[in-house]
Amino acid sequence: SDSHDLPGRKNRMRPAFDRLKADYGREMAHDLTHGNAERMILS
């Protein structure tokens, strides 16, 4: 999100996932919004 103080830059993770899923598929949408970040946290 690069979210900052509201009402400025809002989170928008859910609509971004929905857009990614519609355009590129669920697997890619999941990786970009969850899976890759989880891999990073777990090293």
Full PDB file with SEQRES, HELIX, SHEET, SSBOND, CRYST1, ORIGX, SCALE, CONECT and MASTER records, all heavy atoms in Angstrom:
SEQRES   1 A   43  SER ASP SER HIS ASP LEU PRO GLY ARG LYS ASN ARG MET          
SEQRES   2 A   43  ARG PRO ALA PHE ASP ARG LEU LYS ALA ASP TYR GLY ARG          
SEQRES   3 A   43  GLU MET ALA HIS ASP LEU THR HIS GLY ASN ALA GLU ARG          
SEQRES   4 A   43  MET ILE LEU SER                                              
HELIX    1 AA1 MET A   13  TYR A   24  1                                  12    
HELIX    2 AA2 ARG A   26  HIS A   30  1                                   5    
HELIX    3 AA3 ASP A   31  GLY A   35  3                                   5    
HELIX    4 AA4 ASN A   36  ILE A   41  1                                   6    
CRYST1    1.000    1.000    1.000  90.00  90.00  90.00 P 1           1          
ORIGX1      1.000000  0.000000  0.000000        0.00000                         
ORIGX2      0.000000  1.000000  0.000000        0.00000                         
ORIGX3      0.000000  0.000000  1.000000        0.00000                         
SCALE1      1.000000  0.000000  0.000000        0.00000                         
SCALE2      0.000000  1.000000  0.000000        0.00000                         
SCALE3      0.000000  0.000000  1.000000        0.00000                         
ATOM      1  N   SER A   1       0.784  -1.236   0.000  1.00  0.00           N  
ATOM      2  CA  SER A   1       0.000   0.000   0.000  1.00  0.00           C  
ATOM      3  C   SER A   1       0.814   1.284   0.000  1.00  0.00           C  
ATOM      4  O   SER A   1       0.357   2.291  -0.522  1.00  0.00           O  
ATOM      5  CB  SER A   1      -0.927   0.015   1.219  1.00  0.00           C  
ATOM      6  OG  SER A   1      -0.190   0.249   2.414  1.00  0.00           O  
ATOM      7  N   ASP A   2       2.001   1.295   0.631  1.00  0.00           N  
ATOM      8  CA  ASP A   2       2.709   2.547   0.886  1.00  0.00           C  
ATOM      9  C   ASP A   2       1.754   3.521   1.575  1.00  0.00           C  
ATOM     10  O   ASP A   2       1.754   4.726   1.301  1.00  0.00           O  
ATOM     11  CB  ASP A   2       3.260   3.137  -0.411  1.00  0.00           C  
ATOM     12  CG  ASP A   2       4.209   4.310  -0.184  1.00  0.00           C  
ATOM     13  OD1 ASP A   2       4.640   4.516   0.968  1.00  0.00           O  
ATOM     14  OD2 ASP A   2       4.498   5.026  -1.161  1.00  0.00           O  
ATOM     15  N   SER A   3       0.928   2.984   2.458  1.00  0.00           N  
ATOM     16  CA  SER A   3      -0.110   3.786   3.113  1.00  0.00           C  
ATOM     17  C   SER A   3       0.499   4.833   4.026  1.00  0.00           C  
ATOM     18  O   SER A   3       1.467   4.578   4.743  1.00  0.00           O  
ATOM     19  CB  SER A   3      -1.035   2.862   3.912  1.00  0.00           C  
ATOM     20  OG  SER A   3      -2.120   3.582   4.452  1.00  0.00           O  
ATOM     21  N   HIS A   4      -0.093   6.035   3.993  1.00  0.00           N  
ATOM     22  CA  HIS A   4       0.289   7.137   4.858  1.00  0.00           C  
ATOM     23  C   HIS A   4      -0.945   7.600   5.641  1.00  0.00           C  
ATOM     24  O   HIS A   4      -1.977   6.950   5.626  1.00  0.00           O  
ATOM     25  CB  HIS A   4       0.865   8.293   4.037  1.00  0.00           C  
ATOM     26  CG  HIS A   4       2.270   8.079   3.586  1.00  0.00           C  
ATOM     27  ND1 HIS A   4       2.636   7.023   2.767  1.00  0.00           N  
ATOM     28  CD2 HIS A   4       3.413   8.785   3.833  1.00  0.00           C  
ATOM     29  CE1 HIS A   4       3.946   7.092   2.531  1.00  0.00           C  
ATOM     30  NE2 HIS A   4       4.436   8.148   3.167  1.00  0.00           N  
ATOM     31  N   ASP A   5      -0.798   8.710   6.296  1.00  0.00           N  
ATOM     32  CA  ASP A   5      -1.865   9.236   7.140  1.00  0.00           C  
ATOM     33  C   ASP A   5      -3.161   9.400   6.337  1.00  0.00           C  
ATOM     34  O   ASP A   5      -3.158   9.981   5.254  1.00  0.00           O  
ATOM     35  CB  ASP A   5      -1.427  10.585   7.719  1.00  0.00           C  
ATOM     36  CG  ASP A   5      -2.291  11.032   8.880  1.00  0.00           C  
ATOM     37  OD1 ASP A   5      -3.149  10.253   9.321  1.00  0.00           O  
ATOM     38  OD2 ASP A   5      -2.103  12.166   9.343  1.00  0.00           O  
ATOM     39  N   LEU A   6      -4.264   8.866   6.862  1.00  0.00           N  
ATOM     40  CA  LEU A   6      -5.561   9.031   6.205  1.00  0.00           C  
ATOM     41  C   LEU A   6      -6.065  10.465   6.428  1.00  0.00           C  
ATOM     42  O   LEU A   6      -5.750  11.080   7.436  1.00  0.00           O  
ATOM     43  CB  LEU A   6      -6.558   8.022   6.775  1.00  0.00           C  
ATOM     44  CG  LEU A   6      -6.194   6.561   6.543  1.00  0.00           C  
ATOM     45  CD1 LEU A   6      -7.243   5.659   7.170  1.00  0.00           C  
ATOM     46  CD2 LEU A   6      -6.066   6.245   5.070  1.00  0.00           C  
ATOM     47  N   PRO A   7      -6.861  11.006   5.496  1.00  0.00           N  
ATOM     48  CA  PRO A   7      -7.455  10.351   4.325  1.00  0.00           C  
ATOM     49  C   PRO A   7      -6.605  10.453   3.071  1.00  0.00           C  
ATOM     50  O   PRO A   7      -7.152  10.565   1.959  1.00  0.00           O  
ATOM     51  CB  PRO A   7      -8.759  11.130   4.145  1.00  0.00           C  
ATOM     52  CG  PRO A   7      -8.405  12.523   4.583  1.00  0.00           C  
ATOM     53  CD  PRO A   7      -7.384  12.376   5.681  1.00  0.00           C  
ATOM     54  N   GLY A   8      -5.312  10.408   3.197  1.00  0.00           N  
ATOM     55  CA  GLY A   8      -4.424  10.490   2.044  1.00  0.00           C  
ATOM     56  C   GLY A   8      -4.307   9.177   1.319  1.00  0.00           C  
ATOM     57  O   GLY A   8      -5.237   8.722   0.666  1.00  0.00           O  
ATOM     58  N   ARG A   9      -3.138   8.531   1.438  1.00  0.00           N  
ATOM     59  CA  ARG A   9      -2.902   7.280   0.722  1.00  0.00           C  
ATOM     60  C   ARG A   9      -3.529   6.113   1.480  1.00  0.00           C  
ATOM     61  O   ARG A   9      -3.013   5.686   2.511  1.00  0.00           O  
ATOM     62  CB  ARG A   9      -1.405   7.055   0.532  1.00  0.00           C  
ATOM     63  CG  ARG A   9      -0.829   7.926  -0.565  1.00  0.00           C  
ATOM     64  CD  ARG A   9       0.618   7.583  -0.799  1.00  0.00           C  
ATOM     65  NE  ARG A   9       1.467   8.724  -0.463  1.00  0.00           N  
ATOM     66  CZ  ARG A   9       2.784   8.672  -0.437  1.00  0.00           C  
ATOM     67  NH1 ARG A   9       3.414   7.552  -0.668  1.00  0.00           N  
ATOM     68  NH2 ARG A   9       3.491   9.748  -0.139  1.00  0.00           N  
ATOM     69  N   LYS A  10      -4.628   5.615   0.982  1.00  0.00           N  
ATOM     70  CA  LYS A  10      -5.350   4.533   1.641  1.00  0.00           C  
ATOM     71  C   LYS A  10      -4.708   3.187   1.319  1.00  0.00           C  
ATOM     72  O   LYS A  10      -3.837   3.073   0.474  1.00  0.00           O  
ATOM     73  CB  LYS A  10      -6.816   4.556   1.225  1.00  0.00           C  
ATOM     74  CG  LYS A  10      -7.547   5.809   1.677  1.00  0.00           C  
ATOM     75  CD  LYS A  10      -9.026   5.743   1.340  1.00  0.00           C  
ATOM     76  CE  LYS A  10      -9.741   6.984   1.842  1.00  0.00           C  
ATOM     77  NZ  LYS A  10     -11.194   6.935   1.526  1.00  0.00           N  
ATOM     78  N   ASN A  11      -5.214   2.150   1.984  1.00  0.00           N  
ATOM     79  CA  ASN A  11      -4.579   0.840   1.906  1.00  0.00           C  
ATOM     80  C   ASN A  11      -4.791   0.159   0.548  1.00  0.00           C  
ATOM     81  O   ASN A  11      -3.831  -0.178  -0.126  1.00  0.00           O  
ATOM     82  CB  ASN A  11      -5.098  -0.047   3.033  1.00  0.00           C  
ATOM     83  CG  ASN A  11      -4.291  -1.304   3.167  1.00  0.00           C  
ATOM     84  OD1 ASN A  11      -4.556  -2.293   2.505  1.00  0.00           O  
ATOM     85  ND2 ASN A  11      -3.274  -1.269   4.024  1.00  0.00           N  
ATOM     86  N   ARG A  12      -6.006  -0.102   0.182  1.00  0.00           N  
ATOM     87  CA  ARG A  12      -6.379  -0.630  -1.142  1.00  0.00           C  
ATOM     88  C   ARG A  12      -5.794  -2.016  -1.459  1.00  0.00           C  
ATOM     89  O   ARG A  12      -5.680  -2.377  -2.626  1.00  0.00           O  
ATOM     90  CB  ARG A  12      -5.973   0.351  -2.245  1.00  0.00           C  
ATOM     91  CG  ARG A  12      -6.660   1.706  -2.160  1.00  0.00           C  
ATOM     92  CD  ARG A  12      -6.357   2.562  -3.383  1.00  0.00           C  
ATOM     93  NE  ARG A  12      -7.072   3.819  -3.335  1.00  0.00           N  
ATOM     94  CZ  ARG A  12      -6.590   4.951  -2.820  1.00  0.00           C  
ATOM     95  NH1 ARG A  12      -5.360   4.960  -2.320  1.00  0.00           N  
ATOM     96  NH2 ARG A  12      -7.298   6.050  -2.810  1.00  0.00           N  
ATOM     97  N   MET A  13      -5.428  -2.789  -0.452  1.00  0.00           N  
ATOM     98  CA  MET A  13      -4.906  -4.126  -0.740  1.00  0.00           C  
ATOM     99  C   MET A  13      -5.976  -5.032  -1.355  1.00  0.00           C  
ATOM    100  O   MET A  13      -5.686  -5.790  -2.297  1.00  0.00           O  
ATOM    101  CB  MET A  13      -4.328  -4.760   0.522  1.00  0.00           C  
ATOM    102  CG  MET A  13      -3.013  -4.169   0.984  1.00  0.00           C  
ATOM    103  SD  MET A  13      -1.601  -4.504  -0.114  1.00  0.00           S  
ATOM    104  CE  MET A  13      -1.310  -6.243   0.187  1.00  0.00           C  
ATOM    105  N   ARG A  14      -7.201  -4.960  -0.842  1.00  0.00           N  
ATOM    106  CA  ARG A  14      -8.259  -5.827  -1.378  1.00  0.00           C  
ATOM    107  C   ARG A  14      -8.597  -5.494  -2.825  1.00  0.00           C  
ATOM    108  O   ARG A  14      -8.621  -6.404  -3.673  1.00  0.00           O  
ATOM    109  CB  ARG A  14      -9.503  -5.733  -0.504  1.00  0.00           C  
ATOM    110  CG  ARG A  14     -10.656  -6.608  -0.996  1.00  0.00           C  
ATOM    111  CD  ARG A  14     -10.384  -8.072  -0.744  1.00  0.00           C  
ATOM    112  NE  ARG A  14     -10.781  -8.905  -1.867  1.00  0.00           N  
ATOM    113  CZ  ARG A  14     -10.870 -10.232  -1.815  1.00  0.00           C  
ATOM    114  NH1 ARG A  14     -10.572 -10.870  -0.697  1.00  0.00           N  
ATOM    115  NH2 ARG A  14     -11.210 -10.934  -2.865  1.00  0.00           N  
ATOM    116  N   PRO A  15      -8.882  -4.231  -3.170  1.00  0.00           N  
ATOM    117  CA  PRO A  15      -9.156  -3.952  -4.594  1.00  0.00           C  
ATOM    118  C   PRO A  15      -7.975  -4.238  -5.509  1.00  0.00           C  
ATOM    119  O   PRO A  15      -8.169  -4.628  -6.667  1.00  0.00           O  
ATOM    120  CB  PRO A  15      -9.559  -2.474  -4.613  1.00  0.00           C  
ATOM    121  CG  PRO A  15      -9.136  -1.921  -3.306  1.00  0.00           C  
ATOM    122  CD  PRO A  15      -9.130  -3.047  -2.338  1.00  0.00           C  
ATOM    123  N   ALA A  16      -6.750  -4.069  -5.011  1.00  0.00           N  
ATOM    124  CA  ALA A  16      -5.586  -4.399  -5.838  1.00  0.00           C  
ATOM    125  C   ALA A  16      -5.538  -5.895  -6.111  1.00  0.00           C  
ATOM    126  O   ALA A  16      -5.266  -6.322  -7.246  1.00  0.00           O  
ATOM    127  CB  ALA A  16      -4.307  -3.941  -5.155  1.00  0.00           C  
ATOM    128  N   PHE A  17      -5.781  -6.707  -5.082  1.00  0.00           N  
ATOM    129  CA  PHE A  17      -5.829  -8.156  -5.279  1.00  0.00           C  
ATOM    130  C   PHE A  17      -6.902  -8.514  -6.302  1.00  0.00           C  
ATOM    131  O   PHE A  17      -6.664  -9.337  -7.203  1.00  0.00           O  
ATOM    132  CB  PHE A  17      -6.115  -8.869  -3.959  1.00  0.00           C  
ATOM    133  CG  PHE A  17      -6.369 -10.341  -4.108  1.00  0.00           C  
ATOM    134  CD1 PHE A  17      -5.315 -11.237  -4.161  1.00  0.00           C  
ATOM    135  CD2 PHE A  17      -7.665 -10.825  -4.215  1.00  0.00           C  
ATOM    136  CE1 PHE A  17      -5.542 -12.608  -4.313  1.00  0.00           C  
ATOM    137  CE2 PHE A  17      -7.913 -12.190  -4.363  1.00  0.00           C  
ATOM    138  CZ  PHE A  17      -6.848 -13.079  -4.416  1.00  0.00           C  
ATOM    139  N   ASP A  18      -8.073  -7.921  -6.172  1.00  0.00           N  
ATOM    140  CA  ASP A  18      -9.170  -8.237  -7.092  1.00  0.00           C  
ATOM    141  C   ASP A  18      -8.800  -7.873  -8.525  1.00  0.00           C  
ATOM    142  O   ASP A  18      -9.097  -8.631  -9.461  1.00  0.00           O  
ATOM    143  CB  ASP A  18     -10.439  -7.493  -6.666  1.00  0.00           C  
ATOM    144  CG  ASP A  18     -11.032  -8.032  -5.372  1.00  0.00           C  
ATOM    145  OD1 ASP A  18     -10.712  -9.178  -5.001  1.00  0.00           O  
ATOM    146  OD2 ASP A  18     -11.815  -7.300  -4.725  1.00  0.00           O  
ATOM    147  N   ARG A  19      -8.149  -6.745  -8.703  1.00  0.00           N  
ATOM    148  CA  ARG A  19      -7.742  -6.326 -10.053  1.00  0.00           C  
ATOM    149  C   ARG A  19      -6.674  -7.276 -10.603  1.00  0.00           C  
ATOM    150  O   ARG A  19      -6.725  -7.687 -11.772  1.00  0.00           O  
ATOM    151  CB  ARG A  19      -7.215  -4.898 -10.007  1.00  0.00           C  
ATOM    152  CG  ARG A  19      -6.753  -4.345 -11.350  1.00  0.00           C  
ATOM    153  CD  ARG A  19      -7.912  -4.088 -12.300  1.00  0.00           C  
ATOM    154  NE  ARG A  19      -7.465  -3.614 -13.578  1.00  0.00           N  
ATOM    155  CZ  ARG A  19      -7.233  -2.329 -13.874  1.00  0.00           C  
ATOM    156  NH1 ARG A  19      -7.389  -1.396 -12.941  1.00  0.00           N  
ATOM    157  NH2 ARG A  19      -6.868  -1.974 -15.082  1.00  0.00           N  
ATOM    158  N   LEU A  20      -5.703  -7.615  -9.772  1.00  0.00           N  
ATOM    159  CA  LEU A  20      -4.657  -8.546 -10.207  1.00  0.00           C  
ATOM    160  C   LEU A  20      -5.232  -9.910 -10.551  1.00  0.00           C  
ATOM    161  O   LEU A  20      -4.859 -10.524 -11.553  1.00  0.00           O  
ATOM    162  CB  LEU A  20      -3.597  -8.682  -9.107  1.00  0.00           C  
ATOM    163  CG  LEU A  20      -2.722  -7.463  -8.845  1.00  0.00           C  
ATOM    164  CD1 LEU A  20      -1.986  -7.613  -7.517  1.00  0.00           C  
ATOM    165  CD2 LEU A  20      -1.737  -7.237  -9.982  1.00  0.00           C  
ATOM    166  N   LYS A  21      -6.142 -10.374  -9.740  1.00  0.00           N  
ATOM    167  CA  LYS A  21      -6.777 -11.671  -9.987  1.00  0.00           C  
ATOM    168  C   LYS A  21      -7.530 -11.661 -11.313  1.00  0.00           C  
ATOM    169  O   LYS A  21      -7.435 -12.616 -12.103  1.00  0.00           O  
ATOM    170  CB  LYS A  21      -7.720 -12.010  -8.837  1.00  0.00           C  
ATOM    171  CG  LYS A  21      -8.489 -13.303  -9.020  1.00  0.00           C  
ATOM    172  CD  LYS A  21      -9.479 -13.504  -7.882  1.00  0.00           C  
ATOM    173  CE  LYS A  21     -10.410 -14.670  -8.150  1.00  0.00           C  
ATOM    174  NZ  LYS A  21     -11.447 -14.793  -7.093  1.00  0.00           N  
ATOM    175  N   ALA A  22      -8.273 -10.593 -11.567  1.00  0.00           N  
ATOM    176  CA  ALA A  22      -9.045 -10.503 -12.808  1.00  0.00           C  
ATOM    177  C   ALA A  22      -8.149 -10.448 -14.031  1.00  0.00           C  
ATOM    178  O   ALA A  22      -8.451 -11.044 -15.066  1.00  0.00           O  
ATOM    179  CB  ALA A  22      -9.955  -9.276 -12.756  1.00  0.00           C  
ATOM    180  N   ASP A  23      -7.012  -9.747 -13.919  1.00  0.00           N  
ATOM    181  CA  ASP A  23      -6.156  -9.524 -15.084  1.00  0.00           C  
ATOM    182  C   ASP A  23      -5.085 -10.599 -15.285  1.00  0.00           C  
ATOM    183  O   ASP A  23      -4.697 -10.879 -16.419  1.00  0.00           O  
ATOM    184  CB  ASP A  23      -5.473  -8.159 -14.970  1.00  0.00           C  
ATOM    185  CG  ASP A  23      -6.443  -7.001 -15.123  1.00  0.00           C  
ATOM    186  OD1 ASP A  23      -7.607  -7.246 -15.502  1.00  0.00           O  
ATOM    187  OD2 ASP A  23      -6.051  -5.852 -14.857  1.00  0.00           O  
ATOM    188  N   TYR A  24      -4.612 -11.201 -14.156  1.00  0.00           N  
ATOM    189  CA  TYR A  24      -3.453 -12.090 -14.258  1.00  0.00           C  
ATOM    190  C   TYR A  24      -3.638 -13.442 -13.570  1.00  0.00           C  
ATOM    191  O   TYR A  24      -2.737 -14.281 -13.637  1.00  0.00           O  
ATOM    192  CB  TYR A  24      -2.217 -11.399 -13.668  1.00  0.00           C  
ATOM    193  CG  TYR A  24      -1.976 -10.026 -14.262  1.00  0.00           C  
ATOM    194  CD1 TYR A  24      -2.297  -8.881 -13.552  1.00  0.00           C  
ATOM    195  CD2 TYR A  24      -1.455  -9.878 -15.552  1.00  0.00           C  
ATOM    196  CE1 TYR A  24      -2.097  -7.613 -14.098  1.00  0.00           C  
ATOM    197  CE2 TYR A  24      -1.256  -8.625 -16.100  1.00  0.00           C  
ATOM    198  CZ  TYR A  24      -1.586  -7.490 -15.370  1.00  0.00           C  
ATOM    199  OH  TYR A  24      -1.392  -6.246 -15.914  1.00  0.00           O  
ATOM    200  N   GLY A  25      -4.757 -13.626 -12.908  1.00  0.00           N  
ATOM    201  CA  GLY A  25      -5.020 -14.916 -12.270  1.00  0.00           C  
ATOM    202  C   GLY A  25      -4.779 -14.910 -10.769  1.00  0.00           C  
ATOM    203  O   GLY A  25      -4.017 -14.098 -10.240  1.00  0.00           O  
ATOM    204  N   ARG A  26      -5.431 -15.846 -10.081  1.00  0.00           N  
ATOM    205  CA  ARG A  26      -5.384 -15.905  -8.622  1.00  0.00           C  
ATOM    206  C   ARG A  26      -3.967 -16.172  -8.100  1.00  0.00           C  
ATOM    207  O   ARG A  26      -3.554 -15.588  -7.099  1.00  0.00           O  
ATOM    208  CB  ARG A  26      -6.338 -16.982  -8.099  1.00  0.00           C  
ATOM    209  CG  ARG A  26      -6.253 -17.191  -6.586  1.00  0.00           C  
ATOM    210  CD  ARG A  26      -7.215 -18.259  -6.105  1.00  0.00           C  
ATOM    211  NE  ARG A  26      -8.575 -17.780  -6.167  1.00  0.00           N  
ATOM    212  CZ  ARG A  26      -9.154 -17.075  -5.185  1.00  0.00           C  
ATOM    213  NH1 ARG A  26      -8.456 -16.765  -4.094  1.00  0.00           N  
ATOM    214  NH2 ARG A  26     -10.398 -16.680  -5.282  1.00  0.00           N  
ATOM    215  N   GLU A  27      -3.230 -17.072  -8.740  1.00  0.00           N  
ATOM    216  CA  GLU A  27      -1.910 -17.442  -8.230  1.00  0.00           C  
ATOM    217  C   GLU A  27      -0.979 -16.229  -8.186  1.00  0.00           C  
ATOM    218  O   GLU A  27      -0.301 -15.986  -7.173  1.00  0.00           O  
ATOM    219  CB  GLU A  27      -1.295 -18.553  -9.069  1.00  0.00           C  
ATOM    220  CG  GLU A  27       0.062 -19.009  -8.561  1.00  0.00           C  
ATOM    221  CD  GLU A  27       0.638 -20.165  -9.354  1.00  0.00           C  
ATOM    222  OE1 GLU A  27      -0.028 -20.659 -10.293  1.00  0.00           O  
ATOM    223  OE2 GLU A  27       1.780 -20.575  -9.051  1.00  0.00           O  
ATOM    224  N   MET A  28      -0.942 -15.474  -9.277  1.00  0.00           N  
ATOM    225  CA  MET A  28      -0.084 -14.298  -9.310  1.00  0.00           C  
ATOM    226  C   MET A  28      -0.561 -13.257  -8.312  1.00  0.00           C  
ATOM    227  O   MET A  28       0.249 -12.641  -7.595  1.00  0.00           O  
ATOM    228  CB  MET A  28      -0.054 -13.708 -10.713  1.00  0.00           C  
ATOM    229  CG  MET A  28       0.782 -12.444 -10.832  1.00  0.00           C  
ATOM    230  SD  MET A  28       0.932 -11.917 -12.559  1.00  0.00           S  
ATOM    231  CE  MET A  28       1.512 -10.243 -12.343  1.00  0.00           C  
ATOM    232  N   ALA A  29      -1.871 -13.044  -8.236  1.00  0.00           N  
ATOM    233  CA  ALA A  29      -2.424 -12.070  -7.293  1.00  0.00           C  
ATOM    234  C   ALA A  29      -2.044 -12.432  -5.860  1.00  0.00           C  
ATOM    235  O   ALA A  29      -1.674 -11.568  -5.058  1.00  0.00           O  
ATOM    236  CB  ALA A  29      -3.937 -11.992  -7.449  1.00  0.00           C  
ATOM    237  N   HIS A  30      -2.114 -13.719  -5.527  1.00  0.00           N  
ATOM    238  CA  HIS A  30      -1.758 -14.166  -4.182  1.00  0.00           C  
ATOM    239  C   HIS A  30      -0.270 -13.952  -3.913  1.00  0.00           C  
ATOM    240  O   HIS A  30       0.123 -13.486  -2.837  1.00  0.00           O  
ATOM    241  CB  HIS A  30      -2.111 -15.636  -4.011  1.00  0.00           C  
ATOM    242  CG  HIS A  30      -1.684 -16.214  -2.690  1.00  0.00           C  
ATOM    243  ND1 HIS A  30      -0.474 -16.847  -2.517  1.00  0.00           N  
ATOM    244  CD2 HIS A  30      -2.288 -16.217  -1.478  1.00  0.00           C  
ATOM    245  CE1 HIS A  30      -0.356 -17.228  -1.256  1.00  0.00           C  
ATOM    246  NE2 HIS A  30      -1.439 -16.865  -0.610  1.00  0.00           N  
ATOM    247  N   ASP A  31       0.581 -14.303  -4.869  1.00  0.00           N  
ATOM    248  CA  ASP A  31       2.022 -14.132  -4.675  1.00  0.00           C  
ATOM    249  C   ASP A  31       2.377 -12.668  -4.423  1.00  0.00           C  
ATOM    250  O   ASP A  31       3.197 -12.356  -3.550  1.00  0.00           O  
ATOM    251  CB  ASP A  31       2.794 -14.641  -5.889  1.00  0.00           C  
ATOM    252  CG  ASP A  31       2.940 -16.154  -5.902  1.00  0.00           C  
ATOM    253  OD1 ASP A  31       2.714 -16.790  -4.852  1.00  0.00           O  
ATOM    254  OD2 ASP A  31       3.295 -16.694  -6.966  1.00  0.00           O  
ATOM    255  N   LEU A  32       1.778 -11.761  -5.177  1.00  0.00           N  
ATOM    256  CA  LEU A  32       2.143 -10.350  -5.081  1.00  0.00           C  
ATOM    257  C   LEU A  32       1.616  -9.683  -3.818  1.00  0.00           C  
ATOM    258  O   LEU A  32       2.196  -8.687  -3.356  1.00  0.00           O  
ATOM    259  CB  LEU A  32       1.642  -9.578  -6.310  1.00  0.00           C  
ATOM    260  CG  LEU A  32       2.241  -9.983  -7.661  1.00  0.00           C  
ATOM    261  CD1 LEU A  32       1.749  -9.061  -8.757  1.00  0.00           C  
ATOM    262  CD2 LEU A  32       3.760  -9.972  -7.614  1.00  0.00           C  
ATOM    263  N   THR A  33       0.531 -10.199  -3.259  1.00  0.00           N  
ATOM    264  CA  THR A  33      -0.086  -9.564  -2.087  1.00  0.00           C  
ATOM    265  C   THR A  33       0.100 -10.353  -0.798  1.00  0.00           C  
ATOM    266  O   THR A  33      -0.254  -9.862   0.278  1.00  0.00           O  
ATOM    267  CB  THR A  33      -1.588  -9.347  -2.320  1.00  0.00           C  
ATOM    268  OG1 THR A  33      -2.213 -10.622  -2.572  1.00  0.00           O  
ATOM    269  CG2 THR A  33      -1.845  -8.416  -3.490  1.00  0.00           C  
ATOM    270  N   HIS A  34       0.656 -11.557  -0.897  1.00  0.00           N  
ATOM    271  CA  HIS A  34       0.828 -12.377   0.307  1.00  0.00           C  
ATOM    272  C   HIS A  34       2.052 -13.293   0.215  1.00  0.00           C  
ATOM    273  O   HIS A  34       2.953 -13.224   1.047  1.00  0.00           O  
ATOM    274  CB  HIS A  34      -0.424 -13.224   0.569  1.00  0.00           C  
ATOM    275  CG  HIS A  34      -0.313 -14.084   1.791  1.00  0.00           C  
ATOM    276  ND1 HIS A  34      -0.865 -13.735   3.003  1.00  0.00           N  
ATOM    277  CD2 HIS A  34       0.296 -15.278   2.001  1.00  0.00           C  
ATOM    278  CE1 HIS A  34      -0.592 -14.668   3.902  1.00  0.00           C  
ATOM    279  NE2 HIS A  34       0.107 -15.619   3.309  1.00  0.00           N  
ATOM    280  N   GLY A  35       2.055 -14.170  -0.781  1.00  0.00           N  
ATOM    281  CA  GLY A  35       3.020 -15.261  -0.816  1.00  0.00           C  
ATOM    282  C   GLY A  35       4.470 -14.818  -0.799  1.00  0.00           C  
ATOM    283  O   GLY A  35       5.278 -15.339  -0.026  1.00  0.00           O  
ATOM    284  N   ASN A  36       4.832 -13.860  -1.637  1.00  0.00           N  
ATOM    285  CA  ASN A  36       6.227 -13.427  -1.690  1.00  0.00           C  
ATOM    286  C   ASN A  36       6.646 -12.722  -0.405  1.00  0.00           C  
ATOM    287  O   ASN A  36       7.770 -12.902   0.071  1.00  0.00           O  
ATOM    288  CB  ASN A  36       6.456 -12.519  -2.897  1.00  0.00           C  
ATOM    289  CG  ASN A  36       6.410 -13.275  -4.207  1.00  0.00           C  
ATOM    290  OD1 ASN A  36       6.530 -14.500  -4.235  1.00  0.00           O  
ATOM    291  ND2 ASN A  36       6.239 -12.558  -5.300  1.00  0.00           N  
ATOM    292  N   ALA A  37       5.755 -11.918   0.160  1.00  0.00           N  
ATOM    293  CA  ALA A  37       6.071 -11.253   1.424  1.00  0.00           C  
ATOM    294  C   ALA A  37       6.229 -12.272   2.546  1.00  0.00           C  
ATOM    295  O   ALA A  37       7.100 -12.126   3.412  1.00  0.00           O  
ATOM    296  CB  ALA A  37       4.987 -10.243   1.769  1.00  0.00           C  
ATOM    297  N   GLU A  38       5.414 -13.313   2.529  1.00  0.00           N  
ATOM    298  CA  GLU A  38       5.555 -14.365   3.541  1.00  0.00           C  
ATOM    299  C   GLU A  38       6.892 -15.074   3.391  1.00  0.00           C  
ATOM    300  O   GLU A  38       7.572 -15.357   4.391  1.00  0.00           O  
ATOM    301  CB  GLU A  38       4.416 -15.367   3.419  1.00  0.00           C  
ATOM    302  CG  GLU A  38       4.431 -16.452   4.486  1.00  0.00           C  
ATOM    303  CD  GLU A  38       3.222 -17.358   4.398  1.00  0.00           C  
ATOM    304  OE1 GLU A  38       2.968 -17.898   3.296  1.00  0.00           O  
ATOM    305  OE2 GLU A  38       2.540 -17.523   5.417  1.00  0.00           O  
ATOM    306  N   ARG A  39       7.300 -15.354   2.156  1.00  0.00           N  
ATOM    307  CA  ARG A  39       8.606 -15.978   1.922  1.00  0.00           C  
ATOM    308  C   ARG A  39       9.730 -15.084   2.435  1.00  0.00           C  
ATOM    309  O   ARG A  39      10.720 -15.564   2.997  1.00  0.00           O  
ATOM    310  CB  ARG A  39       8.788 -16.270   0.435  1.00  0.00           C  
ATOM    311  CG  ARG A  39       7.828 -17.320  -0.115  1.00  0.00           C  
ATOM    312  CD  ARG A  39       8.056 -17.593  -1.601  1.00  0.00           C  
ATOM    313  NE  ARG A  39       7.009 -18.441  -2.133  1.00  0.00           N  
ATOM    314  CZ  ARG A  39       5.958 -18.018  -2.831  1.00  0.00           C  
ATOM    315  NH1 ARG A  39       5.860 -16.719  -3.123  1.00  0.00           N  
ATOM    316  NH2 ARG A  39       5.039 -18.860  -3.264  1.00  0.00           N  
ATOM    317  N   MET A  40       9.593 -13.787   2.231  1.00  0.00           N  
ATOM    318  CA  MET A  40      10.602 -12.861   2.704  1.00  0.00           C  
ATOM    319  C   MET A  40      10.687 -12.881   4.228  1.00  0.00           C  
ATOM    320  O   MET A  40      11.783 -12.966   4.797  1.00  0.00           O  
ATOM    321  CB  MET A  40      10.275 -11.443   2.230  1.00  0.00           C  
ATOM    322  CG  MET A  40      11.233 -10.385   2.728  1.00  0.00           C  
ATOM    323  SD  MET A  40      10.798  -8.746   2.100  1.00  0.00           S  
ATOM    324  CE  MET A  40       9.199  -8.512   2.891  1.00  0.00           C  
ATOM    325  N   ILE A  41       9.555 -12.820   4.901  1.00  0.00           N  
ATOM    326  CA  ILE A  41       9.543 -12.827   6.359  1.00  0.00           C  
ATOM    327  C   ILE A  41      10.157 -14.115   6.898  1.00  0.00           C  
ATOM    328  O   ILE A  41      10.887 -14.108   7.885  1.00  0.00           O  
ATOM    329  CB  ILE A  41       8.098 -12.655   6.875  1.00  0.00           C  
ATOM    330  CG1 ILE A  41       7.614 -11.216   6.578  1.00  0.00           C  
ATOM    331  CG2 ILE A  41       8.004 -12.951   8.364  1.00  0.00           C  
ATOM    332  CD1 ILE A  41       6.128 -11.010   6.824  1.00  0.00           C  
ATOM    333  N   LEU A  42       9.889 -15.229   6.219  1.00  0.00           N  
ATOM    334  CA  LEU A  42      10.411 -16.526   6.646  1.00  0.00           C  
ATOM    335  C   LEU A  42      11.810 -16.814   6.113  1.00  0.00           C  
ATOM    336  O   LEU A  42      12.365 -17.880   6.374  1.00  0.00           O  
ATOM    337  CB  LEU A  42       9.449 -17.632   6.194  1.00  0.00           C  
ATOM    338  CG  LEU A  42       8.039 -17.594   6.801  1.00  0.00           C  
ATOM    339  CD1 LEU A  42       7.161 -18.669   6.185  1.00  0.00           C  
ATOM    340  CD2 LEU A  42       8.084 -17.745   8.321  1.00  0.00           C  
ATOM    341  N   SER A  43      12.354 -15.853   5.330  1.00  0.00           N  
ATOM    342  CA  SER A  43      13.677 -16.011   4.701  1.00  0.00           C  
ATOM    343  C   SER A  43      13.760 -17.252   3.831  1.00  0.00           C  
ATOM    344  O   SER A  43      14.771 -17.955   3.797  1.00  0.00           O  
ATOM    345  CB  SER A  43      14.790 -16.044   5.785  1.00  0.00           C  
ATOM    346  OG  SER A  43      14.846 -14.809   6.451  1.00  0.00           O  
TER     347      SER A  43                                                      
MASTER        0    0    0    4    0    0    0    6  346    1    0    4          
END                                                                             
